[in-house]
Every structure is written in structure tokens, then in C-alpha cells.
Amino acid sequence: MISVNDLRAGATFEENGDIFKVLAFEHIKMGRGSANIKVKVKNLRNGSIIEKGYTNGANVSDIILTKREFQFLYKDSENAYFMDPRTFEQRSIPLKTLSGSEYLKEGETVSLEFFEDEALDLLLPPKITLRVSDTTPGVRGDSATNIYKDAILENGGKIKVPLFIKVGDSIVVDTRDGSYTKRA
């Protein structure tokens, strides 16, 4: 058991058969009453994000997730498919549970978090480099202000980029919010 006062962003716990990962933590103390703990959590089994409230001193079941490396193969409309590079075993994981699956590139090695033998989450670096496969050309003279245009990335994802980005350019994308960071 772990006290709710010890929950921080990234911590995982189990409650009522569901596994949660803490996204945000807030400790609220008002007046003479007892403190309340509010956490924003992601259910790792179904992908939903909810807010939970606890009274000070409550406990939740602590769990340990293990991290393993897999090679991303491909994805369809419902699942992403990965291969264990040691055993060559293939594993499919529902896309609704994987946060950041839109940044996956075929053949890329990624880390997955497991609870026992159940794959729960995808761990991505904060910034990744992707190549622009399609975008409209920027019009000369339109660069006086920060104007963005749509671009399609090599993995099929869509992003807003500045006008000077051309087809074939490599860009750095922030995986936390999906925004353009800089040209690679």
C-alpha cells in the first residue's frame, strides 16, 4: 500500500481492478478541515483520463510496471503490432490504450510498460525527429508573422509547421503536445 500523499506524476497504482498512472497531483488544504488530494489519472487498461479525489491519509495499492524493448512493426485501425527482438514473438496492443501511438515509425525500437504479462503503455522520448512527406509550398512574402501550414509526416501523422518547411525536411516534434519544435 502507498499513501495518496506520495503519489506524483508518473506513479502507478491499482484500484478496484483498474491500473492508473498519475498525470497530475494537487494537494488542497482549505481552512480547518482535513486536506484533500486530487489526482488526474489515466486508466492504462482502457485509455480514459479521469480525476479522482482522496482524503488525506488514504492508501492505494502500489504496483510495479516493468519496461521492455520492442520493435514497432505496423498498426491498423484498432491495434499496433510489436515484435520482441529477442524471441521474435509478435504482440498486438489496442491503440486506445497507447498514448503517443501517432508518433510511431515502422522498424523503430520503443519501450513498453508491462504489468505481469499485460502491455499497458508506450514510453516515448519527449522529442522525436520525423521527415515531412507532404506539404504545400510556402508563398513568398507570407513570412512576416508566424503563419503555419499543414504537413503530413512520414508515419502518416498531421502537424502544423512554419511556411519555410519543405517536403523532405526533417523536423523535431514534441510528443507531449504534438507541436512542431524546430527543423532537425
Foldseek 3Di string as FASTA:
>chain_A
DAFLVPQAAQFWFDDPRWIKGFHHWDWADDDPDFIKIKTWIAGLVQGDIDIDIDTGGDDTGGADKDKAKWFWAQDDPFWTWTARPPPRDIDIDGPSNEQLPLPDDHGDIWMFIHGPNRTGYTDDPQKDKWFFADWDAADPPPVPDFDWGWTATPSGDIATDGRVDDHGWIFMAGSVVGHTDGTD
